[in-house]
Amino acid sequence: MRITVNISDAIAADAQARGLRPEDYVEEILTQRLEMGSTEGRQPRTPEEIRTWLNSLAQFSDKIPPLPATISREWIYQDHD
């Protein structure tokens, strides 16, 4: 695949400092980012870790006010002056 991008002066300077062409430097950065995002080598989450994460998401859900039966413009803007 071939992708054309505009390379900022900062990236070009970083590439030059490493003795690389900007294209090669950007390719190296992308490769590193893709490797970091890979799930290979990661241990799957345990059920306890998943439950803890889900509980943290729902931590303050009891403070969310209920929605009205119909949502009106007045209801949306009730706290605005």
Protein backbone atom coordinates (compact mmCIF):
# COMPACT_ATOMS: atom_id res chain seq x y z
CA MET A 1 0.00 0.00 0.00
CA ARG A 2 1.23 3.47 -0.72
CA ILE A 3 0.06 6.44 1.37
CA THR A 4 0.97 10.04 0.70
CA VAL A 5 1.18 12.40 3.68
CA ASN A 6 2.45 15.87 4.39
CA ILE A 7 5.33 15.52 6.82
CA SER A 8 5.74 18.23 9.42
CA ASP A 9 9.05 19.97 9.92
CA ALA A 10 9.37 18.38 13.37
CA ILE A 11 9.05 14.86 11.96
CA ALA A 12 11.49 15.68 9.18
CA ALA A 13 13.97 17.02 11.74
CA ASP A 14 13.58 13.90 13.91
CA ALA A 15 14.16 11.70 10.88
CA GLN A 16 17.26 13.65 9.89
CA ALA A 17 18.60 13.42 13.46
CA ARG A 18 18.28 9.63 13.22
CA GLY A 19 19.88 9.55 9.79
CA LEU A 20 16.69 8.34 8.13
CA ARG A 21 14.59 9.53 5.24
CA PRO A 22 11.30 10.99 6.53
CA GLU A 23 9.38 8.21 4.74
CA ASP A 24 11.40 5.52 6.50
CA TYR A 25 11.03 7.26 9.85
CA VAL A 26 7.24 7.50 9.52
CA GLU A 27 7.10 3.84 8.49
CA GLU A 28 9.11 2.94 11.60
CA ILE A 29 6.74 4.94 13.83
CA LEU A 30 3.68 3.29 12.30
CA THR A 31 5.19 -0.16 12.70
CA GLN A 32 5.92 0.50 16.38
CA ARG A 33 2.39 1.81 16.98
CA LEU A 34 0.85 -1.22 15.31
CA GLU A 35 2.98 -3.56 17.41
CA MET A 36 1.97 -1.76 20.61
CA GLY A 37 -1.70 -2.14 19.72
CA SER A 38 -1.35 -5.84 19.01
CA THR A 39 -3.08 -8.21 21.40
CA GLU A 40 -0.45 -10.90 20.91
CA GLY A 41 1.53 -11.55 24.05
CA ARG A 42 -1.16 -10.09 26.30
CA GLN A 43 -2.85 -12.25 28.85
CA PRO A 44 -6.64 -12.34 28.52
CA ARG A 45 -8.48 -10.50 31.24
CA THR A 46 -9.75 -12.62 34.09
CA PRO A 47 -13.47 -12.56 34.91
CA GLU A 48 -12.62 -10.65 38.10
CA GLU A 49 -10.72 -7.96 36.15
CA ILE A 50 -13.60 -7.62 33.71
CA ARG A 51 -16.12 -7.35 36.55
CA THR A 52 -13.98 -4.71 38.30
CA TRP A 53 -13.76 -2.70 35.08
CA LEU A 54 -17.52 -2.93 34.47
CA ASN A 55 -18.21 -1.89 38.06
CA SER A 56 -15.97 1.14 37.65
CA LEU A 57 -17.97 2.16 34.58
CA ALA A 58 -21.22 1.88 36.50
CA GLN A 59 -19.86 3.48 39.68
CA PHE A 60 -22.04 6.62 39.57
CA SER A 61 -24.89 5.34 37.40
CA ASP A 62 -27.32 5.69 40.31
CA LYS A 63 -26.83 9.46 40.10
CA ILE A 64 -28.04 9.70 36.49
CA PRO A 65 -31.52 11.22 36.51
CA PRO A 66 -34.27 9.30 34.73
CA LEU A 67 -35.34 10.51 31.30
CA PRO A 68 -38.81 11.96 30.90
CA ALA A 69 -41.41 10.07 28.85
CA THR A 70 -40.94 12.60 26.02
CA ILE A 71 -37.90 14.75 25.46
CA SER A 72 -38.76 18.31 24.59
CA ARG A 73 -36.66 21.28 23.62
CA GLU A 74 -37.58 22.92 26.93
CA TRP A 75 -36.36 19.88 28.87
CA ILE A 76 -33.05 19.83 26.97
CA TYR A 77 -32.41 23.52 27.68
CA GLN A 78 -33.94 23.69 31.17
CA ASP A 79 -30.63 24.60 32.86
CA HIS A 80 -29.61 27.25 30.31
CA ASP A 81 -30.34 30.94 30.60
